[in-house]
N, C-alpha and C. Protein backbone atom coordinates (compact mmCIF):
# COMPACT_ATOMS: atom_id res chain seq x y z
N MET A 1 -3.32 -16.96 -3.76
CA MET A 1 -3.17 -15.36 -5.32
C MET A 1 -2.13 -14.19 -5.33
N GLU A 2 -1.49 -14.37 -6.55
CA GLU A 2 -0.47 -13.32 -6.63
C GLU A 2 -1.30 -11.94 -7.46
N LEU A 3 -1.01 -11.26 -6.86
CA LEU A 3 -1.53 -9.71 -7.65
C LEU A 3 -0.06 -8.74 -7.95
N VAL A 4 -0.76 -8.17 -9.19
CA VAL A 4 0.25 -7.41 -9.42
C VAL A 4 -0.22 -5.55 -9.11
N PHE A 5 0.87 -4.69 -8.55
CA PHE A 5 0.25 -3.81 -8.36
C PHE A 5 1.80 -2.72 -8.95
N THR A 6 1.06 -1.93 -9.15
CA THR A 6 1.90 -0.36 -9.34
C THR A 6 2.72 -0.14 -8.25
N ALA A 7 4.27 0.03 -8.36
CA ALA A 7 5.07 0.70 -7.18
C ALA A 7 5.97 1.79 -7.79
N ILE A 8 5.51 3.25 -7.11
CA ILE A 8 6.46 4.25 -7.49
C ILE A 8 7.28 4.99 -6.21
N PHE A 9 8.69 4.71 -6.92
CA PHE A 9 9.58 5.36 -5.76
C PHE A 9 10.24 6.61 -6.25
N LYS A 10 10.61 7.15 -4.76
CA LYS A 10 11.36 8.65 -5.01
C LYS A 10 12.48 8.73 -4.51
N LYS A 11 13.25 9.34 -4.59
CA LYS A 11 14.27 9.18 -3.74
C LYS A 11 14.43 10.79 -2.62
N GLU A 12 14.77 10.38 -1.65
CA GLU A 12 14.34 11.47 -0.57
C GLU A 12 15.36 12.35 -0.73
N ALA A 13 15.18 14.03 -0.40
CA ALA A 13 16.58 14.76 -0.19
C ALA A 13 17.07 14.63 0.90
N GLU A 14 16.52 13.66 2.48
CA GLU A 14 17.46 13.52 3.41
C GLU A 14 17.70 12.35 3.33
N GLY A 15 17.68 11.46 2.44
CA GLY A 15 18.53 10.05 2.11
C GLY A 15 17.15 9.08 2.14
N GLY A 16 17.24 7.83 1.40
CA GLY A 16 16.31 7.08 1.21
C GLY A 16 15.46 7.12 0.48
N TYR A 17 14.56 6.54 0.18
CA TYR A 17 13.66 6.48 -0.70
C TYR A 17 12.27 5.77 -0.02
N SER A 18 11.26 6.61 -0.68
CA SER A 18 9.64 6.04 -0.04
C SER A 18 9.30 5.64 -1.86
N ALA A 19 8.07 4.76 -1.34
CA ALA A 19 7.75 3.74 -2.13
C ALA A 19 6.09 3.63 -1.24
N PHE A 20 5.33 4.00 -2.95
CA PHE A 20 3.88 4.24 -3.00
C PHE A 20 3.17 3.18 -3.48
N CYS A 21 2.14 2.83 -3.64
CA CYS A 21 0.84 1.87 -3.95
C CYS A 21 -0.17 2.26 -4.55
N PRO A 22 -0.50 3.05 -5.68
CA PRO A 22 -1.33 4.02 -6.13
C PRO A 22 -2.91 2.89 -5.51
N GLU A 23 -2.88 1.83 -6.10
CA GLU A 23 -3.78 1.13 -6.56
C GLU A 23 -4.64 0.97 -5.45
N LEU A 24 -3.41 0.71 -4.29
CA LEU A 24 -3.76 0.59 -2.51
C LEU A 24 -3.80 1.25 -1.85
N GLY A 25 -3.53 2.71 -1.88
CA GLY A 25 -3.25 3.57 -1.29
C GLY A 25 -1.85 3.60 0.09
N VAL A 26 -1.43 2.41 -0.39
CA VAL A 26 -0.38 2.20 0.72
C VAL A 26 1.37 2.59 0.53
N ALA A 27 1.66 3.30 1.47
CA ALA A 27 3.12 3.64 1.20
C ALA A 27 4.11 3.08 2.05
N SER A 28 5.26 3.26 1.97
CA SER A 28 6.63 2.56 3.03
C SER A 28 7.80 3.51 2.57
N GLN A 29 8.76 3.13 2.97
CA GLN A 29 10.17 3.69 3.20
C GLN A 29 11.48 3.05 2.98
N GLY A 30 12.37 2.85 2.95
CA GLY A 30 13.73 2.39 2.94
C GLY A 30 15.54 2.96 2.58
N GLU A 31 16.00 2.36 3.29
CA GLU A 31 17.25 2.93 2.79
C GLU A 31 17.53 2.98 1.15
N THR A 32 17.42 1.75 1.27
CA THR A 32 18.19 2.06 -0.70
C THR A 32 16.21 1.41 -1.24
N VAL A 33 16.46 1.59 -2.41
CA VAL A 33 15.05 0.74 -3.63
C VAL A 33 14.62 -0.24 -2.87
N GLU A 34 15.59 -1.31 -2.64
CA GLU A 34 15.51 -2.74 -2.83
C GLU A 34 14.33 -2.76 -1.42
N GLU A 35 15.26 -2.04 -0.32
CA GLU A 35 14.30 -1.92 1.07
C GLU A 35 13.19 -1.53 1.17
N ALA A 36 12.89 -0.24 0.33
CA ALA A 36 11.88 0.21 -0.24
C ALA A 36 10.73 -1.06 -0.53
N GLU A 37 11.29 -1.74 -1.62
CA GLU A 37 10.43 -1.97 -2.40
C GLU A 37 10.02 -3.04 -1.57
N ALA A 38 11.01 -4.08 -0.75
CA ALA A 38 10.29 -5.55 0.14
C ALA A 38 9.40 -4.39 1.17
N ASN A 39 9.42 -3.62 1.78
CA ASN A 39 8.89 -2.87 2.76
C ASN A 39 7.67 -2.40 2.23
N LEU A 40 7.39 -2.07 0.90
CA LEU A 40 6.26 -1.77 0.48
C LEU A 40 5.55 -3.31 0.14
N LYS A 41 5.88 -4.12 -0.06
CA LYS A 41 5.10 -5.18 -0.43
C LYS A 41 4.92 -5.87 0.80
N GLU A 42 5.21 -5.45 2.16
CA GLU A 42 4.77 -6.31 3.29
C GLU A 42 3.90 -5.44 3.80
N ALA A 43 3.72 -4.66 3.24
CA ALA A 43 2.87 -3.00 3.57
C ALA A 43 1.63 -3.53 2.95
N CYS A 44 1.84 -3.73 1.64
CA CYS A 44 0.28 -4.14 0.57
C CYS A 44 -0.06 -5.76 1.26
N GLU A 45 0.67 -6.71 1.71
CA GLU A 45 0.22 -7.51 2.07
C GLU A 45 -0.88 -7.35 3.57
N LEU A 46 -0.18 -6.54 4.24
CA LEU A 46 -0.91 -6.26 5.63
C LEU A 46 -1.83 -5.89 5.56
N TYR A 47 -2.09 -4.61 4.53
CA TYR A 47 -3.20 -4.18 3.82
C TYR A 47 -4.48 -5.10 4.12
N LEU A 48 -4.37 -6.27 2.79
CA LEU A 48 -4.86 -6.89 2.25
C LEU A 48 -4.89 -8.03 2.68
N GLU A 49 -4.38 -8.37 3.81
CA GLU A 49 -4.37 -9.58 4.74
C GLU A 49 -5.94 -9.10 5.52
N SER A 50 -5.76 -7.86 6.03
CA SER A 50 -6.53 -6.81 6.97
C SER A 50 -8.20 -6.80 6.29
N ALA A 51 -7.58 -6.30 4.90
CA ALA A 51 -8.99 -6.21 4.32
C ALA A 51 -9.71 -7.83 4.00
N LYS A 52 -9.01 -9.03 4.06
CA LYS A 52 -10.01 -10.31 3.94
C LYS A 52 -10.04 -10.63 4.93
N GLU A 53 -9.83 -10.10 6.37
CA GLU A 53 -10.39 -10.88 7.36
C GLU A 53 -11.34 -9.74 7.98
N LEU A 54 -11.38 -8.66 7.80
CA LEU A 54 -12.64 -7.70 7.41
C LEU A 54 -13.59 -7.90 6.50
N GLY A 55 -14.03 -8.89 5.59
CA GLY A 55 -14.37 -9.34 4.74
C GLY A 55 -14.66 -8.31 3.51
N ILE A 56 -13.45 -7.49 3.38
CA ILE A 56 -13.71 -6.58 2.37
C ILE A 56 -12.92 -6.66 1.27
N LEU A 57 -11.69 -7.48 1.04
CA LEU A 57 -11.30 -7.93 -0.12
C LEU A 57 -11.45 -7.63 -1.45
N ASP A 58 -12.94 -8.65 -1.49
CA ASP A 58 -13.56 -8.76 -3.23
C ASP A 58 -14.05 -7.28 -3.15
N LYS A 59 -14.30 -6.62 -2.26
CA LYS A 59 -14.74 -4.86 -2.65
C LYS A 59 -13.83 -4.35 -3.46
N ILE A 60 -12.43 -4.30 -2.39
CA ILE A 60 -10.87 -3.55 -3.18
C ILE A 60 -10.58 -4.11 -4.37
N LEU A 61 -10.91 -5.38 -4.71
CA LEU A 61 -10.09 -6.27 -5.79
C LEU A 61 -10.82 -5.45 -7.05
N GLU A 62 -12.48 -5.45 -6.85
CA GLU A 62 -13.31 -5.59 -8.19
C GLU A 62 -13.31 -3.92 -7.65
N GLU A 63 -13.31 -2.95 -7.07
CA GLU A 63 -12.91 -1.49 -7.28
C GLU A 63 -11.88 -1.02 -8.18
N ILE A 64 -10.87 -1.54 -7.59
CA ILE A 64 -9.47 -1.63 -8.92
C ILE A 64 -9.55 -2.11 -10.12
N ALA A 65 -10.68 -3.32 -10.27
CA ALA A 65 -10.61 -3.85 -12.14
C ALA A 65 -11.65 -2.82 -12.44
N ALA A 66 -12.65 -2.40 -11.83
CA ALA A 66 -14.00 -1.94 -12.72
C ALA A 66 -13.09 -0.11 -12.83
N GLY A 67 -12.29 0.34 -11.77
CA GLY A 67 -11.49 1.45 -12.36
C GLY A 67 -10.32 1.26 -13.03
N GLY A 68 -10.15 0.48 -12.81
CA GLY A 68 -8.37 0.57 -13.73
C GLY A 68 -7.43 1.69 -13.06
N GLY A 69 -7.88 1.46 -11.78
CA GLY A 69 -6.92 2.13 -11.11
C GLY A 69 -6.90 2.67 -9.68
N GLU A 70 -6.98 3.44 -8.86
CA GLU A 70 -6.97 4.08 -7.40
C GLU A 70 -8.40 3.20 -6.81
N ALA A 71 -8.25 2.06 -6.03
CA ALA A 71 -9.35 1.68 -4.99
C ALA A 71 -9.96 3.07 -4.02
N THR A 72 -11.04 3.47 -3.90
CA THR A 72 -11.70 4.08 -2.87
C THR A 72 -11.30 3.46 -1.71
N PRO A 73 -10.89 4.27 -0.70
CA PRO A 73 -10.41 3.64 0.67
C PRO A 73 -11.56 2.99 1.22
N VAL A 74 -11.23 1.98 1.99
CA VAL A 74 -12.27 0.92 2.49
C VAL A 74 -11.80 1.19 3.99
N LEU A 75 -10.39 1.20 4.29
CA LEU A 75 -9.57 0.87 5.64
C LEU A 75 -9.83 2.28 5.92
N THR A 76 -9.99 2.48 7.76
CA THR A 76 -9.65 3.53 8.09
C THR A 76 -9.40 3.18 9.83
N GLY A 77 -8.68 3.89 10.39
CA GLY A 77 -8.73 4.17 10.97
C GLY A 77 -7.59 5.28 11.96
N SER A 78 -7.18 4.98 13.39
CA SER A 78 -6.83 6.27 14.43
C SER A 78 -5.73 5.75 14.60
N VAL A 79 -5.12 6.97 14.72
CA VAL A 79 -3.40 6.86 15.37
C VAL A 79 -3.82 7.76 16.73
N LYS A 80 -3.03 7.20 17.95
CA LYS A 80 -2.87 8.02 19.06
C LYS A 80 -1.21 8.86 19.11
N VAL A 81 -1.57 10.11 19.58
CA VAL A 81 -0.31 10.33 19.74
C VAL A 81 -0.06 10.88 20.57
N LYS A 82 1.20 11.28 21.12
CA LYS A 82 1.53 12.20 22.77
C LYS A 82 2.47 13.57 21.90
N ILE A 83 2.12 14.29 23.02
CA ILE A 83 2.79 15.65 22.55
C ILE A 83 3.30 16.58 23.73
């Protein structure tokens, strides 16, 4: 299945570019626009693969289609940090 989502790119003051997909709430970055786009594509694919494995992909796609915009976040997690 091939899907098309919005990609928003922003040039960062410290260099490089950030990329954001508002429909999925997924972000990435890269040194060039092309690298940021490739990294965002990979991040979106990983997000959707995880959603499929968890059995919630259909729900995400239905919410996007019904609302015509951002899906309600349904994947949450935690990150362990050391200080």
